[in-house]
Amino acid sequence: MKFESMLENKDNSDNLIDSAKKGVRKIFLTGAIAAGISSSSTGVEASPIGTEGLDKSLEKNITSPEQKGIDMETTANPYSVESAELEEDILEKEYTLFNTPIKAVMTIRWSDQGGVMPFYFNMHENEKTSVKAAKQLMEQSGGRLLELQHGGGRLVNFEFQGKQYKFDPNRIFTSAGVDQTLKKYNAGNIPIDVQIEVYKFAEKLLQDFNVGAERLVIALHNNSEGSYSIKSYTSGGSESAATQDIHHNDSHDSDNFFYVTDKEDFDELKKLNYNVVLQSKNVPDDGSLSVYASMHNIRYINPEAQDGHEHEQQEMLQDFAKIIKTLQEKPPVLMVKL
């Protein structure tokens, strides 16, 4: 079923689920995505802040889940017995970046197994293999999948004042990342309004789907043959500065590897002899979701696989699903105000 977005007003949150089954209401109001979806088809408007720079023009407002009114117990374990009768629900939110629509679609697959419902996040629309692998696992054990739909490619394209711009949607979760990705993919000076709007889009997306309240985020990515692999994180590789520790199994395809921020996850995956990289605590700020997760004490994992390696990526997800169970035994990790 499709849920229409509405004005950001807690008093009106019931309107969000008028068409939903009664059992969904409790889960949405107590879970990680409680009443967070705001104004339908509302764009992020440019602010006349001037040209002093993105960092100075944007104030970070990082609050703890308690300050947001989020129940960490139900966020960590949003499953409810009332959900057992449900199979699948879809939550949609459409954003407008200037004149360009960007849709965020969350698929919720309910399971009668209980426990933590994994949260999957796919940002690059052309990386289909990872989505297929996650959906296959969700059919067996449930979960939540957030997908960005922005034209079918890897990058998001939009127009501002007659000029075309583009950016990587996995490089916009910090102000430094927004600046870097816009400079990388666009020639000339980047208008401050463009920088602000891209940052505001990322901030709104994270807020609407309460990503900051998640205890675990599973990013879904694919690569192409030889372009990006675990070798990128070895000494002298293009991503070596991001590496805290690495385990490379030569018998496995180097394009298939895990990238994690949690030392325990690294150790468990190393025991299974997977290719795995542990992100450095001093990772360069490129605005990626893994950097955002590290900044906010969120457990993050990317089961990266080559495009077309659906079976391999399913196995990677299935093996990590066993490790996910340890999440229920960990105390909640709260964000802190910086």
C-alpha atoms as a PDB file:
ATOM      1  CA  MET A   1       0.000   0.000   0.000  1.00  0.00           C
ATOM      2  CA  LYS A   2       1.134   3.518  -0.649  1.00  0.00           C
ATOM      3  CA  PHE A   3       1.334   6.093   2.109  1.00  0.00           C
ATOM      4  CA  GLU A   4       1.034   9.733   1.062  1.00  0.00           C
ATOM      5  CA  SER A   5       3.329  12.274   2.671  1.00  0.00           C
ATOM      6  CA  MET A   6       1.897  15.071   4.768  1.00  0.00           C
ATOM      7  CA  LEU A   7       2.794  18.267   6.632  1.00  0.00           C
ATOM      8  CA  GLU A   8       5.431  17.794   9.314  1.00  0.00           C
ATOM      9  CA  ASN A   9       3.138  17.906  12.303  1.00  0.00           C
ATOM     10  CA  LYS A  10       2.910  15.198  14.912  1.00  0.00           C
ATOM     11  CA  ASP A  11      -0.753  16.025  15.538  1.00  0.00           C
ATOM     12  CA  ASN A  12      -1.511  15.107  11.942  1.00  0.00           C
ATOM     13  CA  SER A  13       0.522  11.906  11.950  1.00  0.00           C
ATOM     14  CA  ASP A  14      -2.634   9.773  12.046  1.00  0.00           C
ATOM     15  CA  ASN A  15      -3.437  10.987   8.541  1.00  0.00           C
ATOM     16  CA  LEU A  16      -0.303   9.248   7.336  1.00  0.00           C
ATOM     17  CA  ILE A  17      -1.719   5.821   8.062  1.00  0.00           C
ATOM     18  CA  ASP A  18      -5.482   6.296   7.544  1.00  0.00           C
ATOM     19  CA  SER A  19      -5.411   3.830   4.670  1.00  0.00           C
ATOM     20  CA  ALA A  20      -3.143   1.351   6.458  1.00  0.00           C
ATOM     21  CA  LYS A  21      -4.158  -1.651   8.469  1.00  0.00           C
ATOM     22  CA  LYS A  22      -4.712  -0.921  12.123  1.00  0.00           C
ATOM     23  CA  GLY A  23      -1.781  -3.058  13.155  1.00  0.00           C
ATOM     24  CA  VAL A  24       0.709  -0.890  11.251  1.00  0.00           C
ATOM     25  CA  ARG A  25      -0.067   2.227  13.249  1.00  0.00           C
ATOM     26  CA  LYS A  26       1.572   1.057  16.459  1.00  0.00           C
ATOM     27  CA  ILE A  27       4.704  -0.054  14.652  1.00  0.00           C
ATOM     28  CA  PHE A  28       5.080   3.203  12.742  1.00  0.00           C
ATOM     29  CA  LEU A  29       4.531   5.356  15.810  1.00  0.00           C
ATOM     30  CA  THR A  30       6.922   3.345  17.988  1.00  0.00           C
ATOM     31  CA  GLY A  31       9.478   2.323  15.378  1.00  0.00           C
ATOM     32  CA  ALA A  32      12.372   4.120  13.780  1.00  0.00           C
ATOM     33  CA  ILE A  33      10.278   5.767  11.069  1.00  0.00           C
ATOM     34  CA  ALA A  34       7.586   7.144  13.340  1.00  0.00           C
ATOM     35  CA  ALA A  35       5.649  10.013  11.788  1.00  0.00           C
ATOM     36  CA  GLY A  36       8.777  11.353  10.150  1.00  0.00           C
ATOM     37  CA  ILE A  37       7.442  11.750   6.639  1.00  0.00           C
ATOM     38  CA  SER A  38       6.658  15.387   5.944  1.00  0.00           C
ATOM     39  CA  SER A  39       5.042  17.677   3.379  1.00  0.00           C
ATOM     40  CA  SER A  40       4.051  15.988   0.135  1.00  0.00           C
ATOM     41  CA  SER A  41       5.907  17.155  -2.989  1.00  0.00           C
ATOM     42  CA  THR A  42       7.595  19.901  -1.024  1.00  0.00           C
ATOM     43  CA  GLY A  43      10.938  20.998  -2.405  1.00  0.00           C
ATOM     44  CA  VAL A  44      13.866  22.198  -0.379  1.00  0.00           C
ATOM     45  CA  GLU A  45      13.978  25.907  -0.991  1.00  0.00           C
ATOM     46  CA  ALA A  46      17.147  27.922  -1.359  1.00  0.00           C
ATOM     47  CA  SER A  47      18.060  30.272   1.449  1.00  0.00           C
ATOM     48  CA  PRO A  48      19.519  33.752   0.799  1.00  0.00           C
ATOM     49  CA  ILE A  49      22.467  33.142   3.083  1.00  0.00           C
ATOM     50  CA  GLY A  50      25.171  34.675   0.970  1.00  0.00           C
ATOM     51  CA  THR A  51      28.477  33.240  -0.184  1.00  0.00           C
ATOM     52  CA  GLU A  52      30.445  32.713   3.005  1.00  0.00           C
ATOM     53  CA  GLY A  53      30.672  28.981   2.406  1.00  0.00           C
ATOM     54  CA  LEU A  54      28.610  25.917   3.082  1.00  0.00           C
ATOM     55  CA  ASP A  55      30.099  25.082   6.467  1.00  0.00           C
ATOM     56  CA  LYS A  56      29.297  28.542   7.845  1.00  0.00           C
ATOM     57  CA  SER A  57      25.831  28.691   6.316  1.00  0.00           C
ATOM     58  CA  LEU A  58      24.622  25.342   7.691  1.00  0.00           C
ATOM     59  CA  GLU A  59      24.272  24.676  11.386  1.00  0.00           C
ATOM     60  CA  LYS A  60      24.415  21.092  12.559  1.00  0.00           C
ATOM     61  CA  ASN A  61      21.575  20.166  14.846  1.00  0.00           C
ATOM     62  CA  ILE A  62      22.492  16.724  16.131  1.00  0.00           C
ATOM     63  CA  THR A  63      20.178  15.554  18.865  1.00  0.00           C
ATOM     64  CA  SER A  64      19.848  12.322  20.743  1.00  0.00           C
ATOM     65  CA  PRO A  65      16.921   9.950  20.096  1.00  0.00           C
ATOM     66  CA  GLU A  66      15.460  10.912  23.489  1.00  0.00           C
ATOM     67  CA  GLN A  67      15.456  14.585  22.472  1.00  0.00           C
ATOM     68  CA  LYS A  68      13.638  13.589  19.297  1.00  0.00           C
ATOM     69  CA  GLY A  69      11.108  11.623  21.318  1.00  0.00           C
ATOM     70  CA  ILE A  70      12.237   8.290  19.844  1.00  0.00           C
ATOM     71  CA  ASP A  71      11.923   5.195  21.995  1.00  0.00           C
ATOM     72  CA  MET A  72      15.284   3.443  21.615  1.00  0.00           C
ATOM     73  CA  GLU A  73      13.917   0.085  22.756  1.00  0.00           C
ATOM     74  CA  THR A  74      11.283  -0.033  20.037  1.00  0.00           C
ATOM     75  CA  THR A  75      13.645   1.529  17.522  1.00  0.00           C
ATOM     76  CA  ALA A  76      16.189  -1.203  18.125  1.00  0.00           C
ATOM     77  CA  ASN A  77      13.463  -3.826  17.972  1.00  0.00           C
ATOM     78  CA  PRO A  78      10.530  -2.392  15.975  1.00  0.00           C
ATOM     79  CA  TYR A  79       8.965  -5.833  15.453  1.00  0.00           C
ATOM     80  CA  SER A  80       5.539  -6.306  16.998  1.00  0.00           C
ATOM     81  CA  VAL A  81       3.269  -9.322  17.123  1.00  0.00           C
ATOM     82  CA  GLU A  82       0.651  -7.135  15.462  1.00  0.00           C
ATOM     83  CA  SER A  83       2.804  -7.123  12.326  1.00  0.00           C
ATOM     84  CA  ALA A  84       2.663 -10.879  11.884  1.00  0.00           C
ATOM     85  CA  GLU A  85      -0.497 -10.671   9.769  1.00  0.00           C
ATOM     86  CA  LEU A  86       1.198  -8.312   7.311  1.00  0.00           C
ATOM     87  CA  GLU A  87       3.407  -9.325   4.433  1.00  0.00           C
ATOM     88  CA  GLU A  88       4.664  -6.170   2.759  1.00  0.00           C
ATOM     89  CA  ASP A  89       4.031  -2.450   2.942  1.00  0.00           C
ATOM     90  CA  ILE A  90       5.535   0.394   0.956  1.00  0.00           C
ATOM     91  CA  LEU A  91       6.192   3.917   2.199  1.00  0.00           C
ATOM     92  CA  GLU A  92       7.008   6.597  -0.373  1.00  0.00           C
ATOM     93  CA  LYS A  93       8.254  10.159  -0.135  1.00  0.00           C
ATOM     94  CA  GLU A  94       8.978  12.420  -3.099  1.00  0.00           C
ATOM     95  CA  TYR A  95      11.474  15.268  -2.828  1.00  0.00           C
ATOM     96  CA  THR A  96      12.057  18.065  -5.316  1.00  0.00           C
ATOM     97  CA  LEU A  97      15.595  19.326  -5.821  1.00  0.00           C
ATOM     98  CA  PHE A  98      14.839  22.546  -7.673  1.00  0.00           C
ATOM     99  CA  ASN A  99      12.753  21.074 -10.548  1.00  0.00           C
ATOM    100  CA  THR A 100      14.037  17.518 -10.289  1.00  0.00           C
ATOM    101  CA  PRO A 101      11.979  14.849  -8.478  1.00  0.00           C
ATOM    102  CA  ILE A 102      13.781  12.314  -6.300  1.00  0.00           C
ATOM    103  CA  LYS A 103      11.741   9.516  -4.793  1.00  0.00           C
ATOM    104  CA  ALA A 104      12.580   7.576  -1.645  1.00  0.00           C
ATOM    105  CA  VAL A 105      10.781   4.240  -1.362  1.00  0.00           C
ATOM    106  CA  MET A 106      10.816   2.108   1.751  1.00  0.00           C
ATOM    107  CA  THR A 107       9.687  -1.507   1.418  1.00  0.00           C
ATOM    108  CA  ILE A 108       8.831  -3.169   4.725  1.00  0.00           C
ATOM    109  CA  ARG A 109       8.688  -6.946   4.700  1.00  0.00           C
ATOM    110  CA  TRP A 110       7.145  -8.322   7.849  1.00  0.00           C
ATOM    111  CA  SER A 111       8.193 -11.605   9.377  1.00  0.00           C
ATOM    112  CA  ASP A 112       6.776 -13.763  12.153  1.00  0.00           C
ATOM    113  CA  GLN A 113      10.294 -14.592  13.344  1.00  0.00           C
ATOM    114  CA  GLY A 114      10.562 -11.510  15.521  1.00  0.00           C
ATOM    115  CA  GLY A 115      13.831  -9.850  16.488  1.00  0.00           C
ATOM    116  CA  VAL A 116      15.548  -6.865  14.943  1.00  0.00           C
ATOM    117  CA  MET A 117      14.335  -5.897  11.462  1.00  0.00           C
ATOM    118  CA  PRO A 118      17.417  -5.147   9.339  1.00  0.00           C
ATOM    119  CA  PHE A 119      17.559  -1.738   7.660  1.00  0.00           C
ATOM    120  CA  TYR A 120      18.952  -1.785   4.106  1.00  0.00           C
ATOM    121  CA  PHE A 121      19.800   1.418   2.198  1.00  0.00           C
ATOM    122  CA  ASN A 122      20.365   1.557  -1.573  1.00  0.00           C
ATOM    123  CA  MET A 123      21.461   4.971  -2.883  1.00  0.00           C
ATOM    124  CA  HIS A 124      22.739   4.223  -6.406  1.00  0.00           C
ATOM    125  CA  GLU A 125      19.739   3.266  -8.519  1.00  0.00           C
ATOM    126  CA  ASN A 126      21.809   1.387 -11.115  1.00  0.00           C
ATOM    127  CA  GLU A 127      23.173  -1.067  -8.532  1.00  0.00           C
ATOM    128  CA  LYS A 128      20.323  -3.563  -8.920  1.00  0.00           C
ATOM    129  CA  THR A 129      22.091  -6.786  -7.932  1.00  0.00           C
ATOM    130  CA  SER A 130      22.400  -5.703  -4.307  1.00  0.00           C
ATOM    131  CA  VAL A 131      18.698  -4.829  -4.143  1.00  0.00           C
ATOM    132  CA  LYS A 132      17.687  -8.195  -5.580  1.00  0.00           C
ATOM    133  CA  ALA A 133      19.908  -9.982  -3.078  1.00  0.00           C
ATOM    134  CA  ALA A 134      18.451  -8.048  -0.138  1.00  0.00           C
ATOM    135  CA  LYS A 135      14.865  -8.582  -1.261  1.00  0.00           C
ATOM    136  CA  GLN A 136      15.514 -12.291  -1.557  1.00  0.00           C
ATOM    137  CA  LEU A 137      16.686 -12.386   2.059  1.00  0.00           C
ATOM    138  CA  MET A 138      13.804 -10.145   3.175  1.00  0.00           C
ATOM    139  CA  GLU A 139      11.326 -12.663   1.759  1.00  0.00           C
ATOM    140  CA  GLN A 140      12.754 -15.200   4.174  1.00  0.00           C
ATOM    141  CA  SER A 141      13.346 -13.160   7.312  1.00  0.00           C
ATOM    142  CA  GLY A 142      11.822  -9.698   6.849  1.00  0.00           C
ATOM    143  CA  GLY A 143      13.439  -6.289   6.924  1.00  0.00           C
ATOM    144  CA  ARG A 144      13.211  -2.697   5.715  1.00  0.00           C
ATOM    145  CA  LEU A 145      14.682  -1.505   2.427  1.00  0.00           C
ATOM    146  CA  LEU A 146      15.076   2.188   1.560  1.00  0.00           C
ATOM    147  CA  GLU A 147      15.776   2.894  -2.129  1.00  0.00           C
ATOM    148  CA  LEU A 148      16.473   6.191  -3.872  1.00  0.00           C
ATOM    149  CA  GLN A 149      14.950   6.556  -7.347  1.00  0.00           C
ATOM    150  CA  HIS A 150      16.491   9.360  -9.371  1.00  0.00           C
ATOM    151  CA  GLY A 151      16.532   8.506 -13.064  1.00  0.00           C
ATOM    152  CA  GLY A 152      18.061   5.057 -13.150  1.00  0.00           C
ATOM    153  CA  GLY A 153      21.765   5.934 -12.989  1.00  0.00           C
ATOM    154  CA  ARG A 154      24.449   6.174 -10.354  1.00  0.00           C
ATOM    155  CA  LEU A 155      24.432   9.968 -10.046  1.00  0.00           C
ATOM    156  CA  VAL A 156      21.604  12.405  -9.340  1.00  0.00           C
ATOM    157  CA  ASN A 157      21.160  15.019 -12.082  1.00  0.00           C
ATOM    158  CA  PHE A 158      19.292  18.313 -11.700  1.00  0.00           C
ATOM    159  CA  GLU A 159      19.070  21.770 -13.226  1.00  0.00           C
ATOM    160  CA  PHE A 160      19.595  25.159 -11.603  1.00  0.00           C
ATOM    161  CA  GLN A 161      19.288  28.450 -13.467  1.00  0.00           C
ATOM    162  CA  GLY A 162      19.594  26.738 -16.840  1.00  0.00           C
ATOM    163  CA  LYS A 163      22.693  24.716 -15.970  1.00  0.00           C
ATOM    164  CA  GLN A 164      22.909  20.967 -15.367  1.00  0.00           C
ATOM    165  CA  TYR A 165      24.496  19.658 -12.153  1.00  0.00           C
ATOM    166  CA  LYS A 166      25.096  16.181 -10.752  1.00  0.00           C
ATOM    167  CA  PHE A 167      26.339  14.539  -7.567  1.00  0.00           C
ATOM    168  CA  ASP A 168      26.908  11.164  -5.968  1.00  0.00           C
ATOM    169  CA  PRO A 169      24.041  10.445  -3.518  1.00  0.00           C
ATOM    170  CA  ASN A 170      26.479   8.544  -1.292  1.00  0.00           C
ATOM    171  CA  ARG A 171      28.677  11.590  -0.789  1.00  0.00           C
ATOM    172  CA  ILE A 172      26.204  14.115   0.612  1.00  0.00           C
ATOM    173  CA  PHE A 173      25.837  13.251   4.299  1.00  0.00           C
ATOM    174  CA  THR A 174      28.330  15.865   5.507  1.00  0.00           C
ATOM    175  CA  SER A 175      28.973  19.409   4.310  1.00  0.00           C
ATOM    176  CA  ALA A 176      32.510  18.447   3.289  1.00  0.00           C
ATOM    177  CA  GLY A 177      31.138  15.613   1.184  1.00  0.00           C
ATOM    178  CA  VAL A 178      28.633  17.881  -0.569  1.00  0.00           C
ATOM    179  CA  ASP A 179      31.396  20.295  -1.486  1.00  0.00           C
ATOM    180  CA  GLN A 180      33.658  17.505  -2.781  1.00  0.00           C
ATOM    181  CA  THR A 181      31.091  15.644  -4.871  1.00  0.00           C
ATOM    182  CA  LEU A 182      29.781  18.811  -6.535  1.00  0.00           C
ATOM    183  CA  LYS A 183      33.307  19.919  -7.412  1.00  0.00           C
ATOM    184  CA  LYS A 184      34.166  16.458  -8.728  1.00  0.00           C
ATOM    185  CA  TYR A 185      31.269  16.168 -11.153  1.00  0.00           C
ATOM    186  CA  ASN A 186      30.696  19.791 -12.157  1.00  0.00           C
ATOM    187  CA  ALA A 187      32.965  22.337 -13.811  1.00  0.00           C
ATOM    188  CA  GLY A 188      33.346  25.921 -12.646  1.00  0.00           C
ATOM    189  CA  ASN A 189      32.184  27.557  -9.443  1.00  0.00           C
ATOM    190  CA  ILE A 190      29.333  25.868  -7.623  1.00  0.00           C
ATOM    191  CA  PRO A 191      26.611  28.343  -6.507  1.00  0.00           C
ATOM    192  CA  ILE A 192      26.096  28.383  -2.764  1.00  0.00           C
ATOM    193  CA  ASP A 193      22.376  27.783  -3.317  1.00  0.00           C
ATOM    194  CA  VAL A 194      23.185  24.509  -5.058  1.00  0.00           C
ATOM    195  CA  GLN A 195      25.409  23.372  -2.190  1.00  0.00           C
ATOM    196  CA  ILE A 196      22.775  24.275   0.372  1.00  0.00           C
ATOM    197  CA  GLU A 197      19.958  22.521  -1.461  1.00  0.00           C
ATOM    198  CA  VAL A 198      21.893  19.285  -1.871  1.00  0.00           C
ATOM    199  CA  TYR A 199      22.852  19.304   1.814  1.00  0.00           C
ATOM    200  CA  LYS A 200      19.270  20.075   2.850  1.00  0.00           C
ATOM    201  CA  PHE A 201      18.012  17.194   0.727  1.00  0.00           C
ATOM    202  CA  ALA A 202      20.378  14.784   2.488  1.00  0.00           C
ATOM    203  CA  GLU A 203      19.461  16.161   5.893  1.00  0.00           C
ATOM    204  CA  LYS A 204      15.738  15.865   5.164  1.00  0.00           C
ATOM    205  CA  LEU A 205      16.104  12.320   3.866  1.00  0.00           C
ATOM    206  CA  LEU A 206      17.956  11.211   7.003  1.00  0.00           C
ATOM    207  CA  GLN A 207      15.410  12.973   9.189  1.00  0.00           C
ATOM    208  CA  ASP A 208      12.304  11.683   7.417  1.00  0.00           C
ATOM    209  CA  PHE A 209      13.397   8.062   7.674  1.00  0.00           C
ATOM    210  CA  ASN A 210      15.081   8.464  11.090  1.00  0.00           C
ATOM    211  CA  VAL A 211      18.342   7.004   9.841  1.00  0.00           C
ATOM    212  CA  GLY A 212      20.174   8.640  12.737  1.00  0.00           C
ATOM    213  CA  ALA A 213      18.182   6.506  15.185  1.00  0.00           C
ATOM    214  CA  GLU A 214      19.180   3.219  13.562  1.00  0.00           C
ATOM    215  CA  ARG A 215      21.592   0.979  15.412  1.00  0.00           C
ATOM    216  CA  LEU A 216      22.622  -0.823  12.235  1.00  0.00           C
ATOM    217  CA  VAL A 217      22.633   0.291   8.600  1.00  0.00           C
ATOM    218  CA  ILE A 218      23.322  -2.185   5.792  1.00  0.00           C
ATOM    219  CA  ALA A 219      24.338  -0.279   2.668  1.00  0.00           C
ATOM    220  CA  LEU A 220      23.662  -1.982  -0.673  1.00  0.00           C
ATOM    221  CA  HIS A 221      26.294  -1.451  -3.376  1.00  0.00           C
ATOM    222  CA  ASN A 222      27.706  -3.105  -6.472  1.00  0.00           C
ATOM    223  CA  ASN A 223      30.876  -2.555  -8.457  1.00  0.00           C
ATOM    224  CA  SER A 224      32.147  -3.487 -11.900  1.00  0.00           C
ATOM    225  CA  GLU A 225      35.014  -5.807 -12.759  1.00  0.00           C
ATOM    226  CA  GLY A 226      38.347  -4.390 -11.589  1.00  0.00           C
ATOM    227  CA  SER A 227      37.102  -0.848 -10.972  1.00  0.00           C
ATOM    228  CA  TYR A 228      36.815  -1.015  -7.187  1.00  0.00           C
ATOM    229  CA  SER A 229      37.663  -3.909  -4.897  1.00  0.00           C
ATOM    230  CA  ILE A 230      39.247  -4.839  -1.592  1.00  0.00           C
ATOM    231  CA  LYS A 231      42.581  -4.146  -3.284  1.00  0.00           C
ATOM    232  CA  SER A 232      41.596  -0.465  -3.276  1.00  0.00           C
ATOM    233  CA  TYR A 233      42.050  -0.557   0.522  1.00  0.00           C
ATOM    234  CA  THR A 234      45.463  -2.198   0.596  1.00  0.00           C
ATOM    235  CA  SER A 235      48.664  -0.203   1.071  1.00  0.00           C
ATOM    236  CA  GLY A 236      49.088   2.126  -1.880  1.00  0.00           C
ATOM    237  CA  GLY A 237      45.461   1.662  -2.981  1.00  0.00           C
ATOM    238  CA  SER A 238      43.146   4.574  -3.730  1.00  0.00           C
ATOM    239  CA  GLU A 239      41.189   4.017  -0.487  1.00  0.00           C
ATOM    240  CA  SER A 240      44.064   3.005   1.798  1.00  0.00           C
ATOM    241  CA  ALA A 241      43.578   6.084   4.007  1.00  0.00           C
ATOM    242  CA  ALA A 242      40.169   4.718   4.998  1.00  0.00           C
ATOM    243  CA  THR A 243      41.604   1.393   6.235  1.00  0.00           C
ATOM    244  CA  GLN A 244      42.010   0.528   9.900  1.00  0.00           C
ATOM    245  CA  ASP A 245      42.416  -3.199   9.311  1.00  0.00           C
ATOM    246  CA  ILE A 246      41.987  -5.572   6.376  1.00  0.00           C
ATOM    247  CA  HIS A 247      41.644  -9.291   5.711  1.00  0.00           C
ATOM    248  CA  HIS A 248      42.130 -10.455   2.130  1.00  0.00           C
ATOM    249  CA  ASN A 249      41.277 -14.019   1.147  1.00  0.00           C
ATOM    250  CA  ASP A 250      43.016 -14.638  -2.171  1.00  0.00           C
ATOM    251  CA  SER A 251      40.636 -17.486  -2.995  1.00  0.00           C
ATOM    252  CA  HIS A 252      37.669 -15.084  -3.043  1.00  0.00           C
ATOM    253  CA  ASP A 253      36.860 -12.632  -5.829  1.00  0.00           C
ATOM    254  CA  SER A 254      38.446  -9.340  -4.728  1.00  0.00           C
ATOM    255  CA  ASP A 255      35.378  -7.472  -6.043  1.00  0.00           C
ATOM    256  CA  ASN A 256      33.268  -9.179  -3.359  1.00  0.00           C
ATOM    257  CA  PHE A 257      34.064  -7.896   0.120  1.00  0.00           C
ATOM    258  CA  PHE A 258      32.609  -6.448   3.306  1.00  0.00           C
ATOM    259  CA  TYR A 259      33.277  -2.898   4.462  1.00  0.00           C
ATOM    260  CA  VAL A 260      32.419  -2.371   8.142  1.00  0.00           C
ATOM    261  CA  THR A 261      32.798   0.175  10.924  1.00  0.00           C
ATOM    262  CA  ASP A 262      32.464  -2.225  13.862  1.00  0.00           C
ATOM    263  CA  LYS A 263      35.528  -4.165  15.074  1.00  0.00           C
ATOM    264  CA  GLU A 264      33.406  -7.097  16.235  1.00  0.00           C
ATOM    265  CA  ASP A 265      31.826  -7.406  12.787  1.00  0.00           C
ATOM    266  CA  PHE A 266      35.293  -7.329  11.244  1.00  0.00           C
ATOM    267  CA  ASP A 267      36.503 -10.094  13.547  1.00  0.00           C
ATOM    268  CA  GLU A 268      33.461 -12.305  12.908  1.00  0.00           C
ATOM    269  CA  LEU A 269      33.676 -11.903   9.129  1.00  0.00           C
ATOM    270  CA  LYS A 270      37.407 -12.565   9.257  1.00  0.00           C
ATOM    271  CA  LYS A 271      36.665 -15.839  11.073  1.00  0.00           C
ATOM    272  CA  LEU A 272      34.412 -16.754   8.140  1.00  0.00           C
ATOM    273  CA  ASN A 273      37.396 -15.949   5.884  1.00  0.00           C
ATOM    274  CA  TYR A 274      35.583 -13.246   3.927  1.00  0.00           C
ATOM    275  CA  ASN A 275      37.351 -10.318   2.314  1.00  0.00           C
ATOM    276  CA  VAL A 276      36.680  -7.569   4.825  1.00  0.00           C
ATOM    277  CA  VAL A 277      37.832  -4.005   5.521  1.00  0.00           C
ATOM    278  CA  LEU A 278      37.497  -2.199   8.848  1.00  0.00           C
ATOM    279  CA  GLN A 279      37.023   1.534   8.371  1.00  0.00           C
ATOM    280  CA  SER A 280      39.637   3.731  10.027  1.00  0.00           C
ATOM    281  CA  LYS A 281      38.601   5.838  12.994  1.00  0.00           C
ATOM    282  CA  ASN A 282      40.380   8.663  11.190  1.00  0.00           C
ATOM    283  CA  VAL A 283      38.687   8.030   7.851  1.00  0.00           C
ATOM    284  CA  PRO A 284      38.779  11.061   5.518  1.00  0.00           C
ATOM    285  CA  ASP A 285      35.439  12.862   5.442  1.00  0.00           C
ATOM    286  CA  ASP A 286      34.066  12.197   1.966  1.00  0.00           C
ATOM    287  CA  GLY A 287      30.416  12.580   2.992  1.00  0.00           C
ATOM    288  CA  SER A 288      29.606   8.889   2.538  1.00  0.00           C
ATOM    289  CA  LEU A 289      27.038   7.057   4.643  1.00  0.00           C
ATOM    290  CA  SER A 290      29.807   5.068   6.341  1.00  0.00           C
ATOM    291  CA  VAL A 291      31.431   8.307   7.494  1.00  0.00           C
ATOM    292  CA  TYR A 292      28.084   9.624   8.738  1.00  0.00           C
ATOM    293  CA  ALA A 293      27.495   6.345  10.574  1.00  0.00           C
ATOM    294  CA  SER A 294      30.910   6.506  12.216  1.00  0.00           C
ATOM    295  CA  MET A 295      30.305  10.100  13.316  1.00  0.00           C
ATOM    296  CA  HIS A 296      27.044   9.086  14.980  1.00  0.00           C
ATOM    297  CA  ASN A 297      28.037   5.738  16.481  1.00  0.00           C
ATOM    298  CA  ILE A 298      25.870   3.727  14.098  1.00  0.00           C
ATOM    299  CA  ARG A 299      26.918   0.197  13.238  1.00  0.00           C
ATOM    300  CA  TYR A 300      27.460   0.118   9.457  1.00  0.00           C
ATOM    301  CA  ILE A 301      28.136  -2.641   6.980  1.00  0.00           C
ATOM    302  CA  ASN A 302      28.455  -2.726   3.202  1.00  0.00           C
ATOM    303  CA  PRO A 303      28.403  -6.233   1.656  1.00  0.00           C
ATOM    304  CA  GLU A 304      29.949  -5.010  -1.627  1.00  0.00           C
ATOM    305  CA  ALA A 305      29.736  -7.356  -4.635  1.00  0.00           C
ATOM    306  CA  GLN A 306      30.369  -7.225  -8.353  1.00  0.00           C
ATOM    307  CA  ASP A 307      27.364  -6.411 -10.495  1.00  0.00           C
ATOM    308  CA  GLY A 308      25.670  -9.661 -11.507  1.00  0.00           C
ATOM    309  CA  HIS A 309      27.038 -11.646  -8.550  1.00  0.00           C
ATOM    310  CA  GLU A 310      23.594 -11.956  -6.980  1.00  0.00           C
ATOM    311  CA  HIS A 311      24.146 -15.446  -5.543  1.00  0.00           C
ATOM    312  CA  GLU A 312      27.416 -14.404  -3.904  1.00  0.00           C
ATOM    313  CA  GLN A 313      25.857 -11.278  -2.446  1.00  0.00           C
ATOM    314  CA  GLN A 314      22.925 -13.288  -1.094  1.00  0.00           C
ATOM    315  CA  GLU A 315      25.363 -15.599   0.667  1.00  0.00           C
ATOM    316  CA  MET A 316      27.202 -12.608   2.107  1.00  0.00           C
ATOM    317  CA  LEU A 317      23.956 -11.165   3.458  1.00  0.00           C
ATOM    318  CA  GLN A 318      22.813 -14.516   4.820  1.00  0.00           C
ATOM    319  CA  ASP A 319      26.075 -15.055   6.686  1.00  0.00           C
ATOM    320  CA  PHE A 320      25.952 -11.556   8.114  1.00  0.00           C
ATOM    321  CA  ALA A 321      22.333 -12.129   9.165  1.00  0.00           C
ATOM    322  CA  LYS A 322      23.698 -14.584  11.715  1.00  0.00           C
ATOM    323  CA  ILE A 323      25.968 -11.862  13.066  1.00  0.00           C
ATOM    324  CA  ILE A 324      23.068  -9.384  13.183  1.00  0.00           C
ATOM    325  CA  LYS A 325      21.559 -11.388  16.021  1.00  0.00           C
ATOM    326  CA  THR A 326      24.316 -10.122  18.294  1.00  0.00           C
ATOM    327  CA  LEU A 327      22.813  -6.643  17.871  1.00  0.00           C
ATOM    328  CA  GLN A 328      19.966  -7.615  20.184  1.00  0.00           C
ATOM    329  CA  GLU A 329      22.458  -8.292  22.947  1.00  0.00           C
ATOM    330  CA  LYS A 330      24.184  -4.924  22.637  1.00  0.00           C
ATOM    331  CA  PRO A 331      23.026  -1.901  24.658  1.00  0.00           C
ATOM    332  CA  PRO A 332      21.709   1.030  22.604  1.00  0.00           C
ATOM    333  CA  VAL A 333      24.327   3.496  21.353  1.00  0.00           C
ATOM    334  CA  LEU A 334      23.047   7.047  21.456  1.00  0.00           C
ATOM    335  CA  MET A 335      24.083   9.994  19.330  1.00  0.00           C
ATOM    336  CA  VAL A 336      25.715  12.844  21.194  1.00  0.00           C
ATOM    337  CA  LYS A 337      25.481  16.539  20.498  1.00  0.00           C
ATOM    338  CA  LEU A 338      28.737  17.815  19.040  1.00  0.00           C
END
